[in-house]
Amino acid sequence: MQEERLQVLGVVGSLNQKSVTRVVIQHAAEALSKKACITDIFDPLKEQLGLFNPDSAYSSAAYVGLQKRVEEADVFLLGTPDYHGSISSTLKNFLDHFWHEFAGKLFIPIVSSHEKGLTVLDQVRTVARQCYAWSLPYGISFIDQEDVKDGQICSGSFQKRFEMMVNDAYHYGTLLAQQRQRDLNSNYAAFMARHRK
């Protein structure tokens, strides 16, 4: 039986047309494509997703199409600038639209920050925990014009961290996706039991 290809959804948590977050998400998606992953990018600058309103969000055309992509993904590359030590409202809005679709999957925070983005990374991990998702035990942060410039990664130290993240996204994403399927297809006690059909 042929193994399923790992499905990765990159999320650009910025509406800035010149966003370096977008650049790094695109580089990560390209690197994972070379590892035979199926990659997709949600970019709210190109795809409108209204402000989350529980009374109307789930019936919107934008949500219906995006929900299928989120459901199919095994790994989420969550890119955000560091705004006042917090994730961007753009990323938060994306996350607010979903919950059970994240269970058992891998979150990878990617933060543009001049302050290392430590509180931002913690917030993404908190969301992962609340949604029964997994998170890498580290995140990567980078500085505009120092680590990323003119659409390219220009720092050797960031390039090493970036490559580590891509490899871990692939290997741990694959392990978690396989275990998630085993948990869903079994009848033993597991936190994924609530998602069995």
N, C-alpha and C. Protein backbone atom coordinates (compact mmCIF):
# COMPACT_ATOMS: atom_id res chain seq x y z
N MET A 1 0.84 -1.19 0.00
CA MET A 1 0.00 0.00 0.00
C MET A 1 0.89 1.26 0.00
N GLN A 2 0.63 2.17 -0.90
CA GLN A 2 1.43 3.37 -1.02
C GLN A 2 1.08 4.36 0.09
N GLU A 3 2.14 4.97 0.67
CA GLU A 3 1.92 5.94 1.72
C GLU A 3 1.32 7.22 1.16
N GLU A 4 0.45 7.84 1.96
CA GLU A 4 -0.12 9.12 1.59
C GLU A 4 0.97 10.19 1.63
N ARG A 5 0.91 11.13 0.72
CA ARG A 5 1.85 12.24 0.74
C ARG A 5 1.44 13.24 1.81
N LEU A 6 2.42 13.77 2.51
CA LEU A 6 2.16 14.74 3.56
C LEU A 6 1.59 16.01 2.95
N GLN A 7 0.51 16.52 3.56
CA GLN A 7 -0.13 17.74 3.05
C GLN A 7 0.16 18.90 4.00
N VAL A 8 0.67 19.97 3.44
CA VAL A 8 1.12 21.12 4.21
C VAL A 8 0.35 22.36 3.78
N LEU A 9 -0.19 23.09 4.75
CA LEU A 9 -0.85 24.36 4.46
C LEU A 9 -0.06 25.48 5.12
N GLY A 10 0.47 26.38 4.30
CA GLY A 10 1.12 27.57 4.81
C GLY A 10 0.09 28.67 4.97
N VAL A 11 0.17 29.41 6.06
CA VAL A 11 -0.76 30.50 6.32
C VAL A 11 0.04 31.79 6.47
N VAL A 12 -0.24 32.75 5.59
CA VAL A 12 0.43 34.04 5.65
C VAL A 12 -0.37 34.95 6.58
N GLY A 13 0.19 35.22 7.74
CA GLY A 13 -0.52 36.03 8.72
C GLY A 13 -0.21 37.51 8.60
N SER A 14 -0.19 38.01 7.38
CA SER A 14 0.09 39.43 7.15
C SER A 14 -0.64 39.90 5.90
N LEU A 15 -1.13 41.13 5.96
CA LEU A 15 -1.77 41.74 4.80
C LEU A 15 -0.83 42.73 4.10
N ASN A 16 0.38 42.83 4.58
CA ASN A 16 1.38 43.71 3.99
C ASN A 16 1.80 43.18 2.62
N GLN A 17 1.69 43.99 1.59
CA GLN A 17 2.04 43.53 0.24
C GLN A 17 3.50 43.14 0.12
N LYS A 18 4.37 43.75 0.94
CA LYS A 18 5.81 43.44 0.89
C LYS A 18 6.23 42.58 2.10
N SER A 19 5.32 41.80 2.59
CA SER A 19 5.55 41.03 3.81
C SER A 19 6.69 40.02 3.66
N VAL A 20 7.64 40.06 4.60
CA VAL A 20 8.69 39.03 4.62
C VAL A 20 8.13 37.72 5.17
N THR A 21 7.07 37.79 5.94
CA THR A 21 6.40 36.57 6.40
C THR A 21 5.95 35.75 5.20
N ARG A 22 5.37 36.42 4.21
CA ARG A 22 4.93 35.75 2.98
C ARG A 22 6.12 35.09 2.27
N VAL A 23 7.24 35.80 2.23
CA VAL A 23 8.45 35.29 1.56
C VAL A 23 8.91 33.99 2.21
N VAL A 24 8.99 33.97 3.54
CA VAL A 24 9.48 32.78 4.25
C VAL A 24 8.49 31.63 4.13
N ILE A 25 7.20 31.91 4.20
CA ILE A 25 6.20 30.85 4.01
C ILE A 25 6.33 30.24 2.61
N GLN A 26 6.54 31.07 1.61
CA GLN A 26 6.69 30.57 0.24
C GLN A 26 7.95 29.72 0.11
N HIS A 27 9.05 30.16 0.70
CA HIS A 27 10.29 29.38 0.67
C HIS A 27 10.09 28.02 1.36
N ALA A 28 9.40 28.03 2.50
CA ALA A 28 9.15 26.78 3.23
C ALA A 28 8.28 25.83 2.42
N ALA A 29 7.25 26.36 1.78
CA ALA A 29 6.38 25.53 0.95
C ALA A 29 7.15 24.93 -0.22
N GLU A 30 8.01 25.72 -0.84
CA GLU A 30 8.82 25.22 -1.95
C GLU A 30 9.78 24.12 -1.48
N ALA A 31 10.41 24.31 -0.32
CA ALA A 31 11.33 23.31 0.21
C ALA A 31 10.61 22.01 0.54
N LEU A 32 9.40 22.11 1.08
CA LEU A 32 8.64 20.90 1.41
C LEU A 32 8.09 20.23 0.15
N SER A 33 7.81 21.01 -0.89
CA SER A 33 7.41 20.42 -2.17
C SER A 33 8.51 19.53 -2.73
N LYS A 34 9.76 19.93 -2.52
CA LYS A 34 10.90 19.14 -2.98
C LYS A 34 11.04 17.83 -2.23
N LYS A 35 10.38 17.74 -1.07
CA LYS A 35 10.35 16.49 -0.30
C LYS A 35 9.10 15.68 -0.63
N ALA A 36 8.46 16.02 -1.73
CA ALA A 36 7.27 15.31 -2.23
C ALA A 36 6.02 15.58 -1.40
N CYS A 37 6.02 16.65 -0.63
CA CYS A 37 4.81 17.04 0.08
C CYS A 37 3.86 17.75 -0.88
N ILE A 38 2.57 17.67 -0.57
CA ILE A 38 1.57 18.47 -1.28
C ILE A 38 1.45 19.77 -0.50
N THR A 39 1.77 20.88 -1.14
CA THR A 39 1.77 22.15 -0.41
C THR A 39 0.70 23.10 -0.96
N ASP A 40 0.21 23.92 -0.07
CA ASP A 40 -0.84 24.88 -0.38
C ASP A 40 -0.56 26.10 0.49
N ILE A 41 -0.91 27.27 0.01
CA ILE A 41 -0.72 28.49 0.81
C ILE A 41 -2.03 29.27 0.86
N PHE A 42 -2.43 29.60 2.07
CA PHE A 42 -3.56 30.51 2.25
C PHE A 42 -2.98 31.90 2.47
N ASP A 43 -3.24 32.80 1.55
CA ASP A 43 -2.75 34.17 1.63
C ASP A 43 -3.96 35.11 1.65
N PRO A 44 -4.29 35.67 2.80
CA PRO A 44 -5.48 36.52 2.91
C PRO A 44 -5.42 37.80 2.09
N LEU A 45 -4.24 38.11 1.56
CA LEU A 45 -4.15 39.26 0.66
C LEU A 45 -4.79 38.92 -0.68
N LYS A 46 -4.79 37.62 -1.03
CA LYS A 46 -5.37 37.16 -2.29
C LYS A 46 -6.73 36.51 -2.11
N GLU A 47 -7.00 36.02 -0.90
CA GLU A 47 -8.26 35.33 -0.62
C GLU A 47 -8.93 36.00 0.57
N GLN A 48 -10.08 36.54 0.38
CA GLN A 48 -10.77 37.25 1.46
C GLN A 48 -11.34 36.25 2.48
N LEU A 49 -11.08 36.53 3.74
CA LEU A 49 -11.68 35.78 4.83
C LEU A 49 -12.16 36.81 5.84
N GLY A 50 -13.48 36.95 5.93
CA GLY A 50 -14.05 37.99 6.79
C GLY A 50 -13.69 37.81 8.25
N LEU A 51 -13.84 38.88 9.00
CA LEU A 51 -13.61 38.83 10.44
C LEU A 51 -14.53 37.77 11.04
N PHE A 52 -13.96 36.92 11.89
CA PHE A 52 -14.72 35.80 12.42
C PHE A 52 -15.93 36.26 13.22
N ASN A 53 -17.09 35.76 12.81
CA ASN A 53 -18.35 36.00 13.50
C ASN A 53 -19.05 34.65 13.59
N PRO A 54 -19.17 34.06 14.78
CA PRO A 54 -19.75 32.72 14.89
C PRO A 54 -21.18 32.60 14.36
N ASP A 55 -21.87 33.73 14.21
CA ASP A 55 -23.23 33.69 13.69
C ASP A 55 -23.28 33.57 12.18
N SER A 56 -22.21 33.94 11.49
CA SER A 56 -22.26 33.95 10.03
C SER A 56 -21.06 33.31 9.33
N ALA A 57 -19.95 33.14 10.04
CA ALA A 57 -18.70 32.71 9.38
C ALA A 57 -18.83 31.35 8.71
N TYR A 58 -19.53 30.42 9.35
CA TYR A 58 -19.54 29.04 8.84
C TYR A 58 -20.38 28.85 7.59
N SER A 59 -21.16 29.84 7.23
CA SER A 59 -21.96 29.74 6.01
C SER A 59 -21.37 30.57 4.87
N SER A 60 -20.26 31.23 5.11
CA SER A 60 -19.67 32.06 4.06
C SER A 60 -18.97 31.19 3.03
N ALA A 61 -18.97 31.64 1.79
CA ALA A 61 -18.32 30.89 0.71
C ALA A 61 -16.82 30.77 0.96
N ALA A 62 -16.21 31.81 1.52
CA ALA A 62 -14.77 31.78 1.80
C ALA A 62 -14.43 30.68 2.80
N TYR A 63 -15.27 30.53 3.83
CA TYR A 63 -15.03 29.51 4.85
C TYR A 63 -15.18 28.11 4.27
N VAL A 64 -16.21 27.87 3.52
CA VAL A 64 -16.51 26.53 3.00
C VAL A 64 -15.33 26.00 2.18
N GLY A 65 -14.79 26.83 1.30
CA GLY A 65 -13.65 26.39 0.50
C GLY A 65 -12.40 26.20 1.32
N LEU A 66 -12.15 27.08 2.27
CA LEU A 66 -10.95 27.00 3.09
C LEU A 66 -11.03 25.85 4.08
N GLN A 67 -12.21 25.57 4.59
CA GLN A 67 -12.38 24.49 5.57
C GLN A 67 -11.92 23.16 5.01
N LYS A 68 -12.21 22.89 3.75
CA LYS A 68 -11.77 21.63 3.12
C LYS A 68 -10.26 21.56 3.07
N ARG A 69 -9.60 22.66 2.76
CA ARG A 69 -8.14 22.69 2.70
C ARG A 69 -7.52 22.48 4.08
N VAL A 70 -8.14 23.08 5.10
CA VAL A 70 -7.65 22.92 6.47
C VAL A 70 -7.85 21.47 6.92
N GLU A 71 -9.00 20.91 6.61
CA GLU A 71 -9.28 19.52 6.98
C GLU A 71 -8.27 18.56 6.36
N GLU A 72 -7.85 18.80 5.13
CA GLU A 72 -6.93 17.90 4.42
C GLU A 72 -5.49 18.05 4.88
N ALA A 73 -5.13 19.18 5.46
CA ALA A 73 -3.73 19.44 5.83
C ALA A 73 -3.30 18.60 7.02
N ASP A 74 -2.03 18.19 6.99
CA ASP A 74 -1.40 17.48 8.11
C ASP A 74 -0.52 18.41 8.93
N VAL A 75 0.04 19.42 8.27
CA VAL A 75 0.99 20.34 8.87
C VAL A 75 0.57 21.77 8.53
N PHE A 76 0.69 22.67 9.51
CA PHE A 76 0.38 24.08 9.29
C PHE A 76 1.61 24.92 9.55
N LEU A 77 2.07 25.62 8.52
CA LEU A 77 3.14 26.60 8.66
C LEU A 77 2.46 27.93 8.98
N LEU A 78 2.54 28.39 10.21
CA LEU A 78 1.79 29.55 10.66
C LEU A 78 2.72 30.76 10.75
N GLY A 79 2.69 31.59 9.73
CA GLY A 79 3.56 32.75 9.66
C GLY A 79 2.88 33.99 10.20
N THR A 80 3.61 34.76 11.01
CA THR A 80 3.05 35.99 11.56
C THR A 80 4.15 36.99 11.89
N PRO A 81 3.89 38.26 11.66
CA PRO A 81 4.77 39.27 12.25
C PRO A 81 4.51 39.36 13.75
N ASP A 82 5.48 39.86 14.46
CA ASP A 82 5.35 40.10 15.89
C ASP A 82 4.75 41.49 16.08
N TYR A 83 3.49 41.54 16.49
CA TYR A 83 2.82 42.81 16.73
C TYR A 83 2.61 42.98 18.24
N HIS A 84 3.37 43.86 18.86
CA HIS A 84 3.26 44.12 20.29
C HIS A 84 3.41 42.84 21.11
N GLY A 85 4.31 41.97 20.68
CA GLY A 85 4.54 40.72 21.40
C GLY A 85 3.45 39.69 21.21
N SER A 86 2.66 39.85 20.15
CA SER A 86 1.50 38.98 19.93
C SER A 86 1.41 38.56 18.47
N ILE A 87 0.62 37.52 18.21
CA ILE A 87 0.36 37.15 16.83
C ILE A 87 -0.48 38.22 16.17
N SER A 88 -0.40 38.28 14.86
CA SER A 88 -1.17 39.29 14.12
C SER A 88 -2.66 38.97 14.16
N SER A 89 -3.46 40.00 13.99
CA SER A 89 -4.92 39.80 13.93
C SER A 89 -5.27 38.95 12.72
N THR A 90 -4.47 39.02 11.67
CA THR A 90 -4.73 38.25 10.46
C THR A 90 -4.60 36.76 10.73
N LEU A 91 -3.53 36.37 11.42
CA LEU A 91 -3.37 34.95 11.77
C LEU A 91 -4.43 34.52 12.77
N LYS A 92 -4.69 35.37 13.75
CA LYS A 92 -5.70 35.03 14.76
C LYS A 92 -7.06 34.82 14.11
N ASN A 93 -7.40 35.64 13.13
CA ASN A 93 -8.67 35.49 12.44
C ASN A 93 -8.76 34.14 11.74
N PHE A 94 -7.66 33.73 11.07
CA PHE A 94 -7.65 32.41 10.44
C PHE A 94 -7.87 31.32 11.48
N LEU A 95 -7.12 31.38 12.56
CA LEU A 95 -7.21 30.34 13.60
C LEU A 95 -8.59 30.29 14.23
N ASP A 96 -9.23 31.44 14.41
CA ASP A 96 -10.55 31.50 15.05
C ASP A 96 -11.62 30.77 14.26
N HIS A 97 -11.42 30.61 12.97
CA HIS A 97 -12.42 29.94 12.12
C HIS A 97 -12.43 28.42 12.28
N PHE A 98 -11.42 27.86 12.94
CA PHE A 98 -11.30 26.40 13.00
C PHE A 98 -11.00 25.93 14.42
N TRP A 99 -11.21 24.64 14.64
CA TRP A 99 -10.89 24.05 15.93
C TRP A 99 -10.60 22.57 15.75
N HIS A 100 -11.67 21.75 15.60
CA HIS A 100 -11.44 20.30 15.52
C HIS A 100 -10.62 19.89 14.31
N GLU A 101 -10.58 20.75 13.28
CA GLU A 101 -9.80 20.43 12.09
C GLU A 101 -8.29 20.37 12.39
N PHE A 102 -7.87 20.97 13.52
CA PHE A 102 -6.45 21.01 13.88
C PHE A 102 -6.02 19.81 14.71
N ALA A 103 -6.95 19.06 15.26
CA ALA A 103 -6.62 18.01 16.22
C ALA A 103 -5.68 16.97 15.64
N GLY A 104 -4.62 16.67 16.40
CA GLY A 104 -3.66 15.65 16.01
C GLY A 104 -2.68 16.07 14.92
N LYS A 105 -2.72 17.32 14.53
CA LYS A 105 -1.86 17.80 13.45
C LYS A 105 -0.73 18.66 14.00
N LEU A 106 0.20 19.04 13.14
CA LEU A 106 1.41 19.74 13.57
C LEU A 106 1.38 21.22 13.22
N PHE A 107 1.60 22.06 14.23
CA PHE A 107 1.73 23.51 14.06
C PHE A 107 3.21 23.87 14.03
N ILE A 108 3.58 24.73 13.10
CA ILE A 108 4.95 25.23 13.03
C ILE A 108 4.90 26.75 12.96
N PRO A 109 5.22 27.42 14.07
CA PRO A 109 5.20 28.89 14.07
C PRO A 109 6.45 29.47 13.40
N ILE A 110 6.23 30.49 12.59
CA ILE A 110 7.30 31.19 11.87
C ILE A 110 7.04 32.68 12.09
N VAL A 111 7.98 33.36 12.77
CA VAL A 111 7.71 34.71 13.25
C VAL A 111 8.73 35.72 12.74
N SER A 112 8.23 36.80 12.17
CA SER A 112 9.07 37.93 11.81
C SER A 112 9.12 38.86 13.01
N SER A 113 10.32 39.00 13.61
CA SER A 113 10.40 39.77 14.85
C SER A 113 11.81 40.31 15.08
N HIS A 114 11.87 41.52 15.59
CA HIS A 114 13.15 42.09 16.02
C HIS A 114 13.44 41.73 17.48
N GLU A 115 12.51 41.03 18.12
CA GLU A 115 12.63 40.69 19.54
C GLU A 115 12.61 39.18 19.77
N LYS A 116 12.97 38.39 18.79
CA LYS A 116 13.00 36.92 18.84
C LYS A 116 11.62 36.28 18.81
N GLY A 117 10.57 37.04 19.03
CA GLY A 117 9.22 36.52 18.90
C GLY A 117 8.83 35.47 19.93
N LEU A 118 9.47 35.47 21.10
CA LEU A 118 9.24 34.39 22.07
C LEU A 118 7.80 34.35 22.57
N THR A 119 7.21 35.50 22.86
CA THR A 119 5.82 35.50 23.34
C THR A 119 4.86 35.10 22.22
N VAL A 120 5.21 35.44 20.99
CA VAL A 120 4.38 35.05 19.84
C VAL A 120 4.42 33.53 19.68
N LEU A 121 5.62 32.95 19.78
CA LEU A 121 5.75 31.50 19.68
C LEU A 121 4.93 30.81 20.76
N ASP A 122 4.96 31.36 21.98
CA ASP A 122 4.18 30.77 23.07
C ASP A 122 2.68 30.83 22.78
N GLN A 123 2.23 31.91 22.16
CA GLN A 123 0.80 32.03 21.85
C GLN A 123 0.36 30.99 20.82
N VAL A 124 1.21 30.74 19.83
CA VAL A 124 0.87 29.70 18.84
C VAL A 124 0.82 28.33 19.52
N ARG A 125 1.75 28.08 20.43
CA ARG A 125 1.73 26.80 21.16
C ARG A 125 0.48 26.67 22.02
N THR A 126 0.04 27.78 22.59
CA THR A 126 -1.19 27.76 23.40
C THR A 126 -2.39 27.40 22.53
N VAL A 127 -2.47 28.00 21.35
CA VAL A 127 -3.57 27.66 20.42
C VAL A 127 -3.51 26.19 20.05
N ALA A 128 -2.30 25.69 19.77
CA ALA A 128 -2.15 24.27 19.43
C ALA A 128 -2.69 23.39 20.55
N ARG A 129 -2.29 23.69 21.78
CA ARG A 129 -2.73 22.88 22.92
C ARG A 129 -4.25 22.92 23.07
N GLN A 130 -4.84 24.10 22.94
CA GLN A 130 -6.28 24.24 23.09
C GLN A 130 -7.06 23.51 22.00
N CYS A 131 -6.43 23.33 20.85
CA CYS A 131 -7.08 22.66 19.72
C CYS A 131 -6.64 21.20 19.57
N TYR A 132 -5.93 20.67 20.58
CA TYR A 132 -5.45 19.29 20.56
C TYR A 132 -4.50 19.02 19.39
N ALA A 133 -3.76 20.05 19.00
CA ALA A 133 -2.74 19.90 17.96
C ALA A 133 -1.38 19.75 18.64
N TRP A 134 -0.38 19.41 17.85
CA TRP A 134 1.00 19.33 18.31
C TRP A 134 1.75 20.55 17.79
N SER A 135 2.83 20.89 18.45
CA SER A 135 3.69 21.98 18.00
C SER A 135 5.13 21.53 18.12
N LEU A 136 5.97 21.96 17.18
CA LEU A 136 7.39 21.69 17.33
C LEU A 136 7.86 22.28 18.66
N PRO A 137 8.87 21.69 19.29
CA PRO A 137 9.34 22.21 20.58
C PRO A 137 10.13 23.52 20.44
N TYR A 138 10.20 24.03 19.23
CA TYR A 138 10.85 25.31 18.98
C TYR A 138 10.10 25.99 17.83
N GLY A 139 10.39 27.23 17.62
CA GLY A 139 9.87 27.94 16.46
C GLY A 139 11.02 28.69 15.84
N ILE A 140 10.81 29.24 14.66
CA ILE A 140 11.87 30.05 14.07
C ILE A 140 11.40 31.49 13.95
N SER A 141 12.32 32.39 14.21
CA SER A 141 12.04 33.81 14.02
C SER A 141 13.16 34.40 13.18
N PHE A 142 12.84 35.49 12.55
CA PHE A 142 13.82 36.12 11.66
C PHE A 142 13.61 37.62 11.66
N ILE A 143 14.63 38.33 11.20
CA ILE A 143 14.60 39.79 11.18
C ILE A 143 14.61 40.27 9.73
N ASP A 144 13.65 41.10 9.42
CA ASP A 144 13.56 41.71 8.08
C ASP A 144 14.84 42.49 7.80
N GLN A 145 15.38 42.32 6.61
CA GLN A 145 16.58 42.99 6.11
C GLN A 145 17.89 42.44 6.70
N GLU A 146 17.80 41.64 7.75
CA GLU A 146 19.00 40.98 8.28
C GLU A 146 19.04 39.52 7.89
N ASP A 147 17.92 38.83 8.06
CA ASP A 147 17.83 37.41 7.72
C ASP A 147 17.17 37.18 6.36
N VAL A 148 16.27 38.08 6.01
CA VAL A 148 15.53 37.97 4.74
C VAL A 148 15.56 39.34 4.06
N LYS A 149 16.00 39.34 2.80
CA LYS A 149 16.12 40.61 2.08
C LYS A 149 15.90 40.37 0.59
N ASP A 150 15.15 41.25 -0.04
CA ASP A 150 14.89 41.17 -1.48
C ASP A 150 14.36 39.80 -1.89
N GLY A 151 13.49 39.26 -1.05
CA GLY A 151 12.84 37.99 -1.38
C GLY A 151 13.68 36.75 -1.16
N GLN A 152 14.84 36.90 -0.54
CA GLN A 152 15.73 35.75 -0.34
C GLN A 152 16.20 35.67 1.11
N ILE A 153 16.49 34.46 1.55
CA ILE A 153 17.13 34.27 2.85
C ILE A 153 18.60 34.64 2.67
N CYS A 154 19.07 35.60 3.46
CA CYS A 154 20.42 36.12 3.26
C CYS A 154 21.34 35.88 4.45
N SER A 155 20.85 35.22 5.48
CA SER A 155 21.64 34.96 6.68
C SER A 155 21.95 33.47 6.78
N GLY A 156 23.24 33.15 6.94
CA GLY A 156 23.63 31.75 7.07
C GLY A 156 23.04 31.09 8.30
N SER A 157 22.99 31.81 9.42
CA SER A 157 22.45 31.22 10.65
C SER A 157 20.95 30.96 10.51
N PHE A 158 20.23 31.89 9.89
CA PHE A 158 18.80 31.66 9.69
C PHE A 158 18.58 30.53 8.69
N GLN A 159 19.40 30.44 7.65
CA GLN A 159 19.28 29.36 6.67
C GLN A 159 19.39 28.00 7.35
N LYS A 160 20.30 27.87 8.31
CA LYS A 160 20.45 26.60 9.04
C LYS A 160 19.20 26.29 9.86
N ARG A 161 18.68 27.30 10.55
CA ARG A 161 17.46 27.09 11.34
C ARG A 161 16.28 26.75 10.43
N PHE A 162 16.23 27.42 9.29
CA PHE A 162 15.17 27.19 8.32
C PHE A 162 15.21 25.75 7.81
N GLU A 163 16.40 25.28 7.45
CA GLU A 163 16.54 23.90 6.96
C GLU A 163 16.17 22.89 8.02
N MET A 164 16.56 23.16 9.28
CA MET A 164 16.17 22.28 10.39
C MET A 164 14.65 22.22 10.50
N MET A 165 13.99 23.38 10.42
CA MET A 165 12.53 23.43 10.51
C MET A 165 11.88 22.64 9.38
N VAL A 166 12.38 22.78 8.16
CA VAL A 166 11.80 22.07 7.02
C VAL A 166 11.94 20.56 7.22
N ASN A 167 13.11 20.11 7.64
CA ASN A 167 13.31 18.68 7.86
C ASN A 167 12.42 18.16 8.98
N ASP A 168 12.32 18.91 10.08
CA ASP A 168 11.47 18.47 11.19
C ASP A 168 9.99 18.51 10.81
N ALA A 169 9.60 19.50 10.02
CA ALA A 169 8.21 19.56 9.55
C ALA A 169 7.87 18.31 8.77
N TYR A 170 8.79 17.89 7.92
CA TYR A 170 8.56 16.70 7.09
C TYR A 170 8.54 15.43 7.95
N HIS A 171 9.57 15.23 8.76
CA HIS A 171 9.69 13.97 9.51
C HIS A 171 8.64 13.84 10.61
N TYR A 172 8.49 14.87 11.44
CA TYR A 172 7.52 14.79 12.53
C TYR A 172 6.10 14.93 12.01
N GLY A 173 5.93 15.72 10.96
CA GLY A 173 4.61 15.80 10.34
C GLY A 173 4.14 14.46 9.81
N THR A 174 5.07 13.72 9.20
CA THR A 174 4.75 12.39 8.67
C THR A 174 4.40 11.43 9.79
N LEU A 175 5.21 11.41 10.86
CA LEU A 175 4.94 10.51 11.99
C LEU A 175 3.58 10.80 12.62
N LEU A 176 3.30 12.09 12.82
CA LEU A 176 2.03 12.45 13.45
C LEU A 176 0.84 12.14 12.55
N ALA A 177 1.00 12.36 11.25
CA ALA A 177 -0.09 12.06 10.31
C ALA A 177 -0.40 10.57 10.31
N GLN A 178 0.65 9.75 10.35
CA GLN A 178 0.44 8.30 10.37
C GLN A 178 -0.23 7.85 11.67
N GLN A 179 0.23 8.41 12.80
CA GLN A 179 -0.37 8.04 14.08
C GLN A 179 -1.81 8.53 14.16
N ARG A 180 -2.06 9.70 13.64
CA ARG A 180 -3.42 10.25 13.63
C ARG A 180 -4.37 9.30 12.91
N GLN A 181 -3.94 8.79 11.75
CA GLN A 181 -4.78 7.86 11.00
C GLN A 181 -4.98 6.55 11.75
N ARG A 182 -3.93 6.06 12.40
CA ARG A 182 -4.08 4.84 13.21
C ARG A 182 -5.08 5.06 14.33
N ASP A 183 -4.99 6.22 15.00
CA ASP A 183 -5.91 6.52 16.09
C ASP A 183 -7.35 6.63 15.60
N LEU A 184 -7.54 7.24 14.44
CA LEU A 184 -8.88 7.41 13.89
C LEU A 184 -9.48 6.10 13.42
N ASN A 185 -8.63 5.19 12.97
CA ASN A 185 -9.12 3.92 12.40
C ASN A 185 -9.18 2.78 13.42
N SER A 186 -8.92 3.08 14.68
CA SER A 186 -8.90 2.04 15.70
C SER A 186 -10.05 2.25 16.68
N ASN A 187 -10.08 1.42 17.72
CA ASN A 187 -11.10 1.62 18.76
C ASN A 187 -10.49 1.69 20.14
N TYR A 188 -9.15 1.87 20.22
CA TYR A 188 -8.51 1.99 21.53
C TYR A 188 -8.64 3.43 22.06
N ALA A 189 -8.37 3.58 23.34
CA ALA A 189 -8.47 4.89 23.98
C ALA A 189 -7.38 5.82 23.45
N ALA A 190 -7.78 6.98 22.95
CA ALA A 190 -6.84 7.98 22.43
C ALA A 190 -7.58 9.31 22.38
N PHE A 191 -6.83 10.41 22.45
CA PHE A 191 -7.51 11.71 22.43
C PHE A 191 -8.20 11.97 21.10
N MET A 192 -7.80 11.25 20.04
CA MET A 192 -8.45 11.41 18.73
C MET A 192 -9.77 10.64 18.65
N ALA A 193 -10.12 9.89 19.69
CA ALA A 193 -11.32 9.07 19.64
C ALA A 193 -12.58 9.92 19.38
N ARG A 194 -12.62 11.13 19.88
CA ARG A 194 -13.79 11.99 19.69
C ARG A 194 -14.00 12.38 18.23
N HIS A 195 -12.95 12.19 17.40
CA HIS A 195 -13.03 12.55 15.98
C HIS A 195 -13.30 11.35 15.08
N ARG A 196 -13.50 10.18 15.68
CA ARG A 196 -13.80 8.99 14.87
C ARG A 196 -15.21 9.09 14.31
N LYS A 197 -15.38 8.54 13.11
CA LYS A 197 -16.69 8.58 12.46
C LYS A 197 -17.41 7.26 12.64
